[in-house]
Structure formats: structure tokens, C-alpha cells
């Protein structure tokens, strides 16, 4: 290899990738400093199951043999239990899905489950005027519970706190729906002695179909209108993308990591290193991706809040947190 001047050039060296100018360091301290800097004005969050875990204990009480289904439907469910979430099965027989969801629907109405520190982090960002939007993959309605503005909250898979007819789309009053669930759908968990012995359909007042359910997305159903429009609006302008408790497996939400500018830092709050197939870089060549993982989401979020100096924000909501979050706070003091 000869230079234009005629002198021999040395061996070519691969240049090291430059770290994002937004972050001084690829850790929570660097993220906190960036958030406080005044240049981080638009934060987008994608949240998943890892920020909400109180529901999981209910499934241990489920008695699937009590579900109201035909022999053929039982055969399908025995091979694939997730088929109970299929839209086709729901439209053919809505009772299995409603029986499965009964305690979740009624628990949502009673606010039985509490928003975690990870949920409150989004609320605090809103109060700071920095929250562009939360794209929530969970259906637990916990963002609504703590008062995140509806304009800044998009439930990617719908919400357990709303009801509609799957046949005609008519909205259904949620309180009335819960009354029907309580009085018409039997308890297959053995939790409610006042539940009816047998289930009966809940009919839509508009079209008459027995297809009223929570406004959640079933397998084979349509995503809520607006996801693509909002993602295309928010992500190209994002200054920070926070991926909290999501496995980045489910489309189309997992594509969000590729929709932010190349200069936009991406904070992964998860026990596991997710999204490598989507371009998240956890290696020495990382320039903007920060992994706050290897632990529960709330542990990382609490550290970030402390680095931000938000302890005074946390104290007033301590009693509204789930016990796991309250114990975490106590152990950090």
C-alpha cells in the first residue's frame, strides 16, 4: 500500500467506536447526569412484564379442569394452554377466557395490585415535563392507577381496566362489566365463595353477541389503533429510550429500539440482556446502550431515582407501593 506522496503507509488500524456524546459513561450515573443536564427533554419508555409481577401468584390457584369448555376445546387447551387467549376460541366460547381472567378483572377494579417504582418513574418524568410517552405492554392498568396522563400512555396490548364487545366494538361501562363478571362467571381459582356455580354468557347491549370482554388484545386480534402512528411520531425525536422489564420478543413493540436516532441512548432495565438481535450492544464496542440489569427492575430504577435526587418524591407514595417495592426501599435506607 503506497500513499499518494510515494511513502509507504503503515498497517490500517480499526478506529474505536465513539461513545454517544449524550452520556459521560455507559452506566446509571451517566444516564442520571444526562437526564439532569437539560438536554434530555424527550424520554420514551417501553415497559413489560418485569415491572409488574404481583399477578403471577394468582395462577398457582387455577383449577383448569373447572373451565367451561367442550371436550374438543379441552383437547386443544391440553396441548396448548395459551390457546385460551385465542380470539377464535373466545368468539366460539367466551367463557374459558372470562373464567381465567375473572380475578384479574375484579382485582383491577378494586386496585388490588399496586404500581411499582418503575411505574412511578414514568409519572415523575411526566411531572418533570420530560415524558414523551409510555408504551405499556402489560394490561394491568397500573399507569392509569397513578394518574399518568392518557395522552402520554399507550397500552400496546390493551387494558384490563376497560371493556368492549369483541364482535361489534361497542364500549361497555367497566363497572357494569365487573358486576356481570362477579355474578355470571364462576370462580375457577377457589377464591370467591359468592361466585355462581356455573358461568353464563355476558351479552352486548348493542349487538346481542356474548362477546363482551376486557379491552385486551387476544392472539389473532388487532392491535389497538394508533401504535404505529405514535411510535413514528415519538421515537425519531427521542432523547432517551428506556426499556424496562421487556423481553423485546413481541412485535411490533420490539421494533421500537431501531426507531430512535443513532445518537439516542438506550437504557435496558432488565434482569437479562435482551434485544441483541435488534441491535442492542452489551459489548466493549457499545456506544449508547446501558445495561442496568442482573437484578429486578425496581432495584435499578430505585438506584436511578436516588442518583437523580428524587428521594423526596418517593416518600409520599411509599404507602401506595406494592410490598416488594416497600421492602426494597426499607433495605436501601
Protein backbone atom coordinates (compact mmCIF):
# COMPACT_ATOMS: atom_id res chain seq x y z
CA UNK A 1 0.00 0.00 0.00
CA UNK A 2 1.56 3.31 -1.11
CA UNK A 3 0.39 6.80 -0.18
CA UNK A 4 -0.05 9.45 -2.87
CA UNK A 5 3.23 11.03 -1.73
CA UNK A 6 5.03 7.83 -2.58
CA UNK A 7 5.82 6.88 1.02
CA UNK A 8 4.76 3.51 2.38
CA UNK A 9 1.81 3.56 4.75
CA UNK A 10 1.67 1.53 7.95
CA UNK A 11 -0.95 -1.12 8.60
CA UNK A 12 -4.56 0.10 8.73
CA UNK A 13 -5.98 0.45 12.26
CA UNK A 14 -9.64 -0.05 13.10
CA UNK A 15 -10.90 3.03 14.90
CA UNK A 16 -12.75 2.50 18.15
CA UNK A 17 -16.44 3.49 18.04
CA UNK A 18 -17.14 6.81 19.63
CA UNK A 19 -19.37 6.81 22.70
CA UNK A 20 -22.60 8.76 22.42
CA UNK A 21 -21.91 12.40 23.18
CA UNK A 22 -25.02 12.42 25.36
CA UNK A 23 -23.53 10.15 28.03
CA UNK A 24 -20.36 10.66 30.03
CA UNK A 25 -20.43 6.98 30.99
CA UNK A 26 -22.41 3.91 29.99
CA UNK A 27 -23.96 3.33 33.40
CA UNK A 28 -26.80 4.63 35.56
CA UNK A 29 -24.65 7.51 36.78
CA UNK A 30 -24.14 8.60 33.18
CA UNK A 31 -27.87 8.31 32.46
CA UNK A 32 -28.78 10.29 35.58
CA UNK A 33 -26.35 13.07 34.71
CA UNK A 34 -27.80 13.20 31.19
CA UNK A 35 -31.39 13.41 32.50
CA UNK A 36 -30.38 16.28 34.79
CA UNK A 37 -28.41 18.07 32.09
CA UNK A 38 -31.32 19.87 30.47
CA UNK A 39 -30.52 18.41 27.05
CA UNK A 40 -32.63 15.30 27.67
CA UNK A 41 -36.12 16.62 27.02
CA UNK A 42 -37.97 13.70 25.45
CA UNK A 43 -37.96 10.30 27.19
CA UNK A 44 -39.84 7.31 25.78
CA UNK A 45 -40.47 4.20 27.89
CA UNK A 46 -41.35 0.70 26.75
CA UNK A 47 -42.44 -1.37 29.74
CA UNK A 48 -43.08 -5.09 30.03
CA UNK A 49 -43.90 -7.86 32.48
CA UNK A 50 -40.78 -7.22 34.57
CA UNK A 51 -42.22 -4.02 36.05
CA UNK A 52 -45.41 -5.79 37.22
CA UNK A 53 -45.17 -9.15 38.94
CA UNK A 54 -47.95 -9.30 41.53
CA UNK A 55 -50.36 -11.09 39.19
CA UNK A 56 -48.25 -14.19 38.87
CA UNK A 57 -49.15 -15.69 42.24
CA UNK A 58 -52.82 -15.99 41.27
CA UNK A 59 -52.15 -18.61 38.60
CA UNK A 60 -50.97 -21.10 41.23
CA UNK A 61 -54.60 -21.39 42.41
CA UNK A 62 -56.05 -22.03 38.94
CA UNK A 63 -58.01 -25.28 38.55
CA UNK A 64 -58.11 -25.72 34.75
CA UNK A 65 -60.38 -28.78 34.96
CA UNK A 66 -63.20 -26.47 36.09
CA UNK A 67 -63.08 -24.30 32.96
CA UNK A 68 -66.30 -24.35 30.94
CA UNK A 69 -65.30 -25.89 27.61
CA UNK A 70 -66.34 -28.64 25.24
CA UNK A 71 -64.39 -31.89 25.01
CA UNK A 72 -62.87 -30.69 21.75
CA UNK A 73 -61.85 -27.37 23.29
CA UNK A 74 -60.36 -29.14 26.31
CA UNK A 75 -58.28 -31.27 23.94
CA UNK A 76 -56.91 -28.12 22.31
CA UNK A 77 -56.17 -26.49 25.65
CA UNK A 78 -54.44 -29.61 27.00
CA UNK A 79 -51.97 -29.41 24.12
CA UNK A 80 -51.57 -25.62 24.22
CA UNK A 81 -52.81 -23.81 27.31
CA UNK A 82 -52.19 -20.41 25.70
CA UNK A 83 -54.95 -21.21 23.19
CA UNK A 84 -57.35 -19.87 25.82
CA UNK A 85 -56.14 -16.45 24.70
CA UNK A 86 -57.02 -17.06 21.02
CA UNK A 87 -59.63 -14.78 19.52
CA UNK A 88 -61.21 -17.62 17.53
CA UNK A 89 -61.77 -19.66 20.68
CA UNK A 90 -63.18 -16.63 22.50
CA UNK A 91 -65.70 -15.92 19.75
CA UNK A 92 -66.72 -19.59 19.71
CA UNK A 93 -66.87 -19.85 23.52
CA UNK A 94 -66.09 -16.75 25.61
CA UNK A 95 -66.43 -18.49 28.98
CA UNK A 96 -62.92 -20.05 29.32
CA UNK A 97 -61.23 -16.69 28.83
CA UNK A 98 -63.57 -14.84 31.17
CA UNK A 99 -63.15 -17.55 33.82
CA UNK A 100 -59.37 -17.34 33.51
CA UNK A 101 -59.46 -13.55 33.79
CA UNK A 102 -62.18 -13.25 36.47
CA UNK A 103 -59.91 -12.46 39.46
CA UNK A 104 -57.75 -10.15 37.35
CA UNK A 105 -60.74 -8.14 36.14
CA UNK A 106 -62.24 -7.80 39.61
CA UNK A 107 -58.82 -7.14 41.15
CA UNK A 108 -58.21 -4.36 38.66
CA UNK A 109 -61.50 -2.72 39.62
CA UNK A 110 -60.54 -2.90 43.33
CA UNK A 111 -56.99 -1.71 42.58
CA UNK A 112 -55.77 -4.87 44.26
CA UNK A 113 -52.39 -4.52 42.57
CA UNK A 114 -50.17 -1.51 43.09
CA UNK A 115 -47.92 0.39 40.74
CA UNK A 116 -44.22 -0.29 41.32
CA UNK A 117 -41.32 2.15 41.48
CA UNK A 118 -40.83 1.50 37.77
CA UNK A 119 -44.33 2.83 37.06
CA UNK A 120 -43.79 5.84 39.30
CA UNK A 121 -40.54 6.65 37.49
CA UNK A 122 -42.64 7.39 34.42
CA UNK A 123 -45.01 9.54 36.46
CA UNK A 124 -42.11 11.54 37.90
CA UNK A 125 -40.74 12.08 34.39
CA UNK A 126 -44.16 13.44 33.41
CA UNK A 127 -44.07 15.83 36.36
CA UNK A 128 -40.65 16.99 35.16
CA UNK A 129 -42.09 17.64 31.69
CA UNK A 130 -39.74 15.09 30.13
CA UNK A 131 -42.07 12.16 29.38
CA UNK A 132 -42.86 11.83 25.69
CA UNK A 133 -44.83 8.60 26.13
CA UNK A 134 -45.08 5.27 27.91
CA UNK A 135 -45.74 2.30 25.65
CA UNK A 136 -47.01 -0.28 28.16
CA UNK A 137 -47.08 -3.93 27.12
CA UNK A 138 -48.83 -5.00 30.32
CA UNK A 139 -52.63 -4.92 30.52
CA UNK A 140 -52.80 -4.24 34.27
CA UNK A 141 -53.94 -0.58 34.04
CA UNK A 142 -51.34 0.47 36.62
CA UNK A 143 -50.31 3.52 34.59
CA UNK A 144 -53.88 4.77 34.81
CA UNK A 145 -53.97 3.99 38.54
CA UNK A 146 -51.21 6.51 39.33
CA UNK A 147 -52.57 9.17 37.02
CA UNK A 148 -50.22 9.16 34.07
CA UNK A 149 -51.90 11.41 31.51
CA UNK A 150 -53.95 9.36 29.00
CA UNK A 151 -52.32 11.42 26.23
CA UNK A 152 -48.90 10.11 27.32
CA UNK A 153 -49.86 6.46 27.91
CA UNK A 154 -50.41 3.89 25.19
CA UNK A 155 -51.40 0.35 26.17
CA UNK A 156 -49.87 -1.74 23.42
CA UNK A 157 -51.93 -4.83 24.23
CA UNK A 158 -54.96 -3.05 25.62
CA UNK A 159 -56.09 -2.59 29.22
CA UNK A 160 -57.80 -4.81 31.77
CA UNK A 161 -59.42 -1.65 33.13
CA UNK A 162 -61.72 -1.15 30.13
CA UNK A 163 -64.34 -3.34 28.44
CA UNK A 164 -65.78 -3.65 24.96
CA UNK A 165 -67.59 -6.06 22.68
CA UNK A 166 -65.22 -8.15 20.57
CA UNK A 167 -67.94 -8.60 17.93
CA UNK A 168 -69.11 -5.04 17.26
CA UNK A 169 -66.52 -2.94 19.13
CA UNK A 170 -69.07 -1.15 21.33
CA UNK A 171 -67.64 0.25 24.55
CA UNK A 172 -69.05 -1.18 27.76
CA UNK A 173 -69.17 0.53 31.13
CA UNK A 174 -66.41 -1.10 33.16
CA UNK A 175 -68.27 -1.08 36.48
CA UNK A 176 -71.29 -2.76 34.87
CA UNK A 177 -69.00 -5.27 33.20
CA UNK A 178 -67.41 -6.12 36.55
CA UNK A 179 -70.86 -6.65 38.06
CA UNK A 180 -71.63 -9.13 35.28
CA UNK A 181 -68.30 -10.87 35.81
CA UNK A 182 -68.96 -11.15 39.54
CA UNK A 183 -72.49 -12.53 39.12
CA UNK A 184 -72.30 -14.52 35.88
CA UNK A 185 -68.79 -16.01 35.71
CA UNK A 186 -67.79 -18.83 38.05
CA UNK A 187 -64.58 -18.87 40.04
CA UNK A 188 -62.09 -21.49 38.79
CA UNK A 189 -59.49 -20.45 41.38
CA UNK A 190 -61.42 -21.27 44.56
CA UNK A 191 -61.08 -17.71 45.84
CA UNK A 192 -64.66 -16.37 45.89
CA UNK A 193 -67.33 -18.32 47.80
CA UNK A 194 -70.01 -15.97 46.48
CA UNK A 195 -69.31 -16.71 42.81
CA UNK A 196 -72.00 -18.52 40.80
CA UNK A 197 -71.72 -22.30 40.47
CA UNK A 198 -71.87 -22.12 36.68
CA UNK A 199 -70.96 -19.47 34.11
CA UNK A 200 -73.40 -17.76 31.78
CA UNK A 201 -72.59 -15.51 28.80
CA UNK A 202 -72.32 -11.73 29.03
CA UNK A 203 -74.22 -10.27 26.09
CA UNK A 204 -73.51 -6.97 24.37
CA UNK A 205 -76.33 -4.43 24.75
CA UNK A 206 -75.62 -3.13 21.24
CA UNK A 207 -75.40 -6.26 19.08
CA UNK A 208 -76.51 -9.02 21.43
CA UNK A 209 -73.37 -11.12 20.96
CA UNK A 210 -71.91 -12.92 24.00
CA UNK A 211 -68.60 -11.27 23.25
CA UNK A 212 -68.04 -8.66 25.97
CA UNK A 213 -64.53 -8.81 27.44
CA UNK A 214 -61.73 -6.61 28.77
CA UNK A 215 -60.31 -4.36 26.08
CA UNK A 216 -57.20 -6.52 25.73
CA UNK A 217 -55.63 -7.99 22.60
CA UNK A 218 -56.15 -11.70 22.06
CA UNK A 219 -53.94 -13.84 19.83
CA UNK A 220 -55.17 -13.26 16.31
CA UNK A 221 -56.81 -9.97 17.25
CA UNK A 222 -55.98 -6.50 16.06
CA UNK A 223 -53.57 -4.21 17.89
CA UNK A 224 -55.07 -1.01 19.33
CA UNK A 225 -55.30 1.69 16.71
CA UNK A 226 -52.54 4.26 16.89
CA UNK A 227 -49.40 2.34 17.86
CA UNK A 228 -47.61 2.81 14.55
CA UNK A 229 -48.59 6.49 14.27
CA UNK A 230 -47.44 7.31 17.80
CA UNK A 231 -44.21 5.32 17.51
CA UNK A 232 -43.29 7.06 14.27
CA UNK A 233 -44.06 10.42 15.88
CA UNK A 234 -42.25 9.92 19.20
CA UNK A 235 -39.21 7.78 18.53
CA UNK A 236 -37.34 9.81 15.89
CA UNK A 237 -37.38 12.75 18.34
CA UNK A 238 -36.49 10.77 21.48
CA UNK A 239 -33.53 11.87 23.58
CA UNK A 240 -33.63 8.70 25.72
CA UNK A 241 -35.32 5.31 25.30
CA UNK A 242 -35.89 3.28 28.48
CA UNK A 243 -36.64 -0.41 28.02
CA UNK A 244 -37.96 -1.62 31.37
CA UNK A 245 -38.91 -5.21 32.11
CA UNK A 246 -39.48 -6.15 28.49
CA UNK A 247 -38.07 -9.22 26.75
CA UNK A 248 -38.15 -7.43 23.37
CA UNK A 249 -39.65 -10.56 21.84
CA UNK A 250 -43.17 -9.44 20.98
CA UNK A 251 -43.72 -7.46 17.79
CA UNK A 252 -44.37 -4.72 16.91
CA UNK A 253 -43.15 -3.13 20.17
CA UNK A 254 -39.71 -4.76 19.90
CA UNK A 255 -39.04 -2.75 16.75
CA UNK A 256 -39.02 0.47 18.77
CA UNK A 257 -35.33 0.02 19.65
CA UNK A 258 -34.47 0.54 15.99
CA UNK A 259 -36.64 3.62 15.53
CA UNK A 260 -34.73 6.09 17.71
CA UNK A 261 -31.89 8.24 16.31
CA UNK A 262 -28.41 6.71 16.26
CA UNK A 263 -27.36 9.25 18.89
CA UNK A 264 -30.19 8.35 21.30
CA UNK A 265 -29.06 6.43 24.42
CA UNK A 266 -30.98 3.22 25.17
CA UNK A 267 -31.27 2.15 28.81
CA UNK A 268 -32.09 -1.53 29.36
CA UNK A 269 -33.62 -2.19 32.78
CA UNK A 270 -33.99 -5.95 32.91
CA UNK A 271 -32.54 -8.96 34.72
CA UNK A 272 -31.38 -10.24 31.34
CA UNK A 273 -29.53 -8.88 28.33
CA UNK A 274 -32.33 -8.59 25.80
CA UNK A 275 -32.59 -7.28 22.26
CA UNK A 276 -29.19 -8.30 20.89
CA UNK A 277 -30.98 -9.42 17.72
CA UNK A 278 -32.40 -5.90 17.49
CA UNK A 279 -29.01 -4.21 17.72
CA UNK A 280 -28.64 -3.65 21.47
CA UNK A 281 -24.89 -3.80 22.18
CA UNK A 282 -23.66 -5.05 25.54
CA UNK A 283 -20.04 -5.49 24.50
CA UNK A 284 -16.94 -3.30 24.57
CA UNK A 285 -18.00 -1.69 21.29
CA UNK A 286 -21.17 -0.26 22.87
CA UNK A 287 -21.56 3.46 22.29
CA UNK A 288 -25.01 4.32 23.68
CA UNK A 289 -26.55 1.20 25.22
CA UNK A 290 -26.61 0.99 29.01
CA UNK A 291 -27.42 -2.26 30.81
CA UNK A 292 -28.80 -1.74 34.32
CA UNK A 293 -29.54 -5.42 34.72
CA UNK A 294 -28.83 -8.60 36.52
CA UNK A 295 -31.44 -7.67 39.13
CA UNK A 296 -35.11 -6.79 39.49
CA UNK A 297 -36.30 -3.72 37.58
CA UNK A 298 -37.27 -1.80 40.71
CA UNK A 299 -33.76 -2.19 42.11
CA UNK A 300 -32.25 -0.46 39.08
CA UNK A 301 -34.98 2.18 38.94
CA UNK A 302 -34.54 2.98 42.63
CA UNK A 303 -30.81 3.48 42.12
CA UNK A 304 -31.53 5.77 39.18
CA UNK A 305 -34.06 7.77 41.22
CA UNK A 306 -31.51 8.16 44.01
CA UNK A 307 -28.87 9.33 41.54
CA UNK A 308 -31.42 11.87 40.28
CA UNK A 309 -32.03 13.09 43.83
CA UNK A 310 -35.70 12.09 43.75
CA UNK A 311 -35.90 10.65 47.27
CA UNK A 312 -38.35 13.39 48.29
CA UNK A 313 -40.69 12.27 45.50
CA UNK A 314 -40.64 8.68 46.69
CA UNK A 315 -41.55 9.24 50.34
CA UNK A 316 -45.14 10.46 49.77
CA UNK A 317 -46.01 7.43 47.62
CA UNK A 318 -44.32 4.82 49.83
CA UNK A 319 -47.63 3.54 51.21
CA UNK A 320 -49.07 3.16 47.70
CA UNK A 321 -46.30 0.82 46.56
CA UNK A 322 -46.52 -2.99 46.49
CA UNK A 323 -44.88 -4.77 49.41
CA UNK A 324 -41.90 -5.80 47.28
CA UNK A 325 -41.16 -2.15 46.49
CA UNK A 326 -41.67 -1.11 50.11
CA UNK A 327 -39.23 -3.77 51.31
CA UNK A 328 -36.72 -2.63 48.73
CA UNK A 329 -36.95 0.94 50.00
CA UNK A 330 -36.52 -0.20 53.59
CA UNK A 331 -33.44 -2.25 52.72
CA UNK A 332 -31.83 0.70 50.92
CA UNK A 333 -32.09 3.05 53.90
